[in-house]
Protein backbone atom coordinates (compact mmCIF):
# COMPACT_ATOMS: atom_id res chain seq x y z
CA MET A 1 0.00 0.00 0.00
CA ALA A 2 2.88 2.36 0.79
CA ASP A 3 4.30 1.81 -2.72
CA ILE A 4 0.97 2.76 -4.27
CA ARG A 5 0.80 5.92 -2.16
CA LEU A 6 4.36 6.84 -3.09
CA ALA A 7 3.63 6.30 -6.77
CA ALA A 8 0.49 8.45 -6.47
CA LEU A 9 2.43 11.23 -4.75
CA ILE A 10 5.10 11.16 -7.45
CA PHE A 11 2.43 11.23 -10.15
CA LEU A 12 0.71 14.21 -8.51
CA ALA A 13 4.01 16.00 -8.01
CA CYS A 14 4.85 15.47 -11.66
CA GLY A 15 1.54 16.92 -12.68
CA ALA A 16 2.09 19.87 -10.36
CA ALA A 17 5.51 20.41 -11.87
CA GLY A 18 3.92 20.58 -15.30
CA ALA A 19 3.45 17.58 -17.55
CA ALA A 20 4.23 19.53 -20.70
CA ILE A 21 7.67 19.37 -22.19
CA ALA A 22 9.24 22.78 -22.83
CA SER A 23 9.03 23.97 -26.42
CA GLY A 24 12.86 23.96 -26.72
CA ALA A 25 12.81 20.22 -26.02
CA VAL A 26 10.17 19.32 -28.59
CA GLY A 27 11.64 17.10 -31.27
CA LYS A 28 14.81 16.47 -29.26
CA ILE A 29 13.36 13.75 -27.07
CA ALA A 30 12.11 10.56 -28.72
CA ASP A 31 9.88 9.56 -25.79
CA PRO A 32 9.24 12.58 -23.54
CA VAL A 33 7.04 10.67 -21.08
CA GLN A 34 9.67 7.97 -20.55
CA ALA A 35 12.46 10.55 -20.32
CA ARG A 36 10.61 12.51 -17.63
CA SER A 37 9.79 9.33 -15.75
CA ASP A 38 13.44 8.22 -15.94
CA TYR A 39 14.54 11.61 -14.59
CA ILE A 40 12.11 11.49 -11.68
CA GLU A 41 13.07 7.91 -10.80
CA ASN A 42 16.84 8.26 -11.22
CA CYS A 43 17.63 11.93 -10.60
CA GLY A 44 14.68 13.71 -9.02
CA GLY A 45 15.31 12.42 -5.53
CA CYS A 46 18.50 14.47 -5.29
CA HIS A 47 18.14 17.18 -7.94
CA GLY A 48 14.44 17.79 -7.25
CA ILE A 49 11.53 16.85 -9.46
CA THR A 50 11.66 20.24 -11.18
CA GLY A 51 15.46 20.49 -11.20
CA ASN A 52 15.62 22.69 -8.10
CA SER A 53 17.81 20.91 -5.59
CA ALA A 54 18.41 23.92 -3.33
CA PRO A 55 19.23 24.01 -0.49
CA ALA A 56 20.79 20.56 -1.00
CA LEU A 57 24.48 20.67 -1.79
CA LEU A 58 23.88 19.60 -5.37
CA PRO A 59 23.80 21.80 -8.46
CA VAL A 60 20.42 23.22 -9.41
CA LEU A 61 19.62 22.07 -12.94
CA ARG A 62 16.61 24.33 -13.60
CA ASP A 63 17.51 27.04 -16.15
CA ARG A 64 21.26 26.36 -15.71
CA VAL A 65 22.36 22.92 -16.95
CA GLY A 66 21.94 23.82 -20.62
CA TYR A 67 25.09 25.99 -20.49
CA PHE A 68 27.06 22.73 -20.37
CA LEU A 69 26.12 22.14 -24.03
CA CYS A 70 28.21 25.11 -25.11
CA ARG A 71 31.53 23.21 -24.99
CA PRO A 72 32.33 19.62 -26.02
CA ASP A 73 34.23 18.95 -22.78
CA ALA A 74 31.35 20.19 -20.61
CA ARG A 75 28.85 18.26 -22.70
CA ALA A 76 30.87 15.04 -22.26
CA TYR A 77 31.09 15.79 -18.52
CA LEU A 78 27.30 15.44 -18.22
CA ILE A 79 27.43 11.92 -19.68
CA ARG A 80 30.54 10.93 -17.74
CA LEU A 81 29.17 11.88 -14.31
CA PRO A 82 29.18 8.65 -12.27
CA ASN A 83 25.43 8.57 -11.61
CA VAL A 84 24.77 9.05 -15.33
CA SER A 85 27.41 6.76 -16.82
CA HIS A 86 26.66 4.03 -14.28
CA SER A 87 22.90 4.51 -14.51
CA ARG A 88 20.60 1.52 -14.27
CA ILE A 89 19.30 2.67 -17.65
CA THR A 90 21.29 0.37 -19.91
CA ASP A 91 19.80 1.49 -23.22
CA ASN A 92 21.95 4.35 -24.55
CA ALA A 93 19.08 5.88 -26.53
CA GLU A 94 16.91 5.98 -23.41
CA LEU A 95 19.75 7.57 -21.43
CA ALA A 96 20.27 10.12 -24.23
CA ASP A 97 16.57 10.99 -23.95
CA LEU A 98 16.92 11.48 -20.20
CA LEU A 99 19.88 13.82 -20.79
CA ASN A 100 17.93 15.69 -23.45
CA TYR A 101 15.04 16.10 -21.03
CA VAL A 102 17.43 17.48 -18.41
CA VAL A 103 19.22 19.99 -20.66
CA PHE A 104 16.42 21.07 -23.00
CA ASP A 105 13.44 20.92 -20.66
CA LEU A 106 14.82 21.55 -17.17
CA GLY A 107 17.68 23.62 -18.59
CA GLY A 108 15.20 25.91 -20.34
CA ALA A 109 16.74 28.96 -21.99
CA SER A 110 20.22 28.03 -20.73
CA ALA A 111 20.51 25.47 -23.55
CA PRO A 112 21.93 27.05 -26.71
CA ALA A 113 19.25 27.16 -29.40
CA ASP A 114 21.54 25.45 -31.92
CA ALA A 115 22.79 22.72 -29.57
CA PRO A 116 22.24 19.27 -31.00
CA PRO A 117 20.50 16.71 -28.80
CA PHE A 118 22.43 13.88 -27.18
CA THR A 119 22.41 10.69 -29.24
CA ALA A 120 22.71 7.02 -28.35
CA GLU A 121 26.05 6.96 -30.19
CA GLU A 122 27.42 9.87 -28.16
CA VAL A 123 26.30 8.27 -24.90
CA ALA A 124 27.88 4.94 -25.95
CA ARG A 125 31.15 6.71 -26.77
CA GLU A 126 31.41 8.72 -23.50
CA ARG A 127 29.75 6.38 -21.01
CA PRO A 128 32.73 4.00 -20.60
CA HIS A 129 34.84 6.99 -19.47
CA ALA A 130 33.01 7.63 -16.21
CA LEU A 131 34.56 10.20 -13.88
CA ASN A 132 35.23 7.66 -11.15
CA ASP A 133 38.70 8.86 -10.19
CA ALA A 134 38.26 12.59 -10.79
CA SER A 135 37.57 15.28 -8.25
CA LEU A 136 34.10 16.25 -9.41
CA LYS A 137 34.31 19.47 -7.42
CA ALA A 138 37.53 20.59 -9.14
CA LEU A 139 36.43 19.41 -12.58
CA ARG A 140 33.06 21.14 -12.33
CA ALA A 141 34.71 24.35 -11.12
CA ALA A 142 37.15 24.34 -14.05
CA LEU A 143 34.39 23.65 -16.58
CA VAL A 144 32.17 26.36 -15.12
CA GLU A 145 35.02 28.88 -15.36
CA ARG A 146 35.35 28.03 -19.06
CA LEU A 147 31.59 28.31 -19.53
CA VAL A 148 31.51 31.72 -17.85
CA ARG A 149 34.49 32.94 -19.92
CA THR A 150 33.66 31.50 -23.34
CA CYS A 151 29.92 30.84 -23.37
CA LYS A 152 28.51 33.83 -21.49
CA ALA A 153 27.17 31.57 -18.74
CA PRO A 154 26.21 33.59 -15.67
CA ALA A 155 28.76 33.89 -12.87
CA SER A 156 26.10 32.47 -10.53
CA LEU A 157 26.76 29.09 -12.18
CA ARG A 158 29.81 28.95 -9.91
CA GLN A 159 27.44 28.34 -7.02
CA LEU A 160 25.36 25.19 -6.61
CA PHE A 161 22.20 27.27 -6.69
CA PRO A 162 21.66 30.88 -7.83
CA SER A 163 21.01 32.44 -4.41
CA GLN A 164 24.00 30.77 -2.75
CA GLY A 165 26.61 33.23 -1.58
CA THR A 166 29.63 30.92 -1.44
CA PRO A 167 31.54 29.03 -4.14
CA ALA A 168 30.20 25.68 -5.31
CA ARG A 169 30.88 22.55 -3.29
CA ASN A 170 30.19 19.07 -4.61
């Protein structure tokens, strides 16, 4: 019975968060319903159902994660994050859809208009190179500095969430 209640709460929360996929994501996600469901099941517990993880010490995705599409190294970083590359989602096309949902829907206007969507081939190429031995904090900080300098990403991207007053920690 508890599982049914939890599923109902998640369903209601999803509806409250808005079941529609953002217009920037249309055509970039093969199965938007599955992608959103995969996000909620695999990412939403930590990053928040709507991509707002604050005040958790995790980066807010909402209206920010799309900046990572501006540079090939930052784009690959999103796939190579341990929780992405080691995801229980074994189908690379399904994982690409989840990433496209994150960057084009949750990322909103932060995703460059001309950014191509993630593909199964790209996920298959980057996934084996998971960032298991890297300092994610240092790597993210270096990537964000490049995004601020070369892609006009906001300086607030340095923080985990926009209203945070101290440098990012993760």
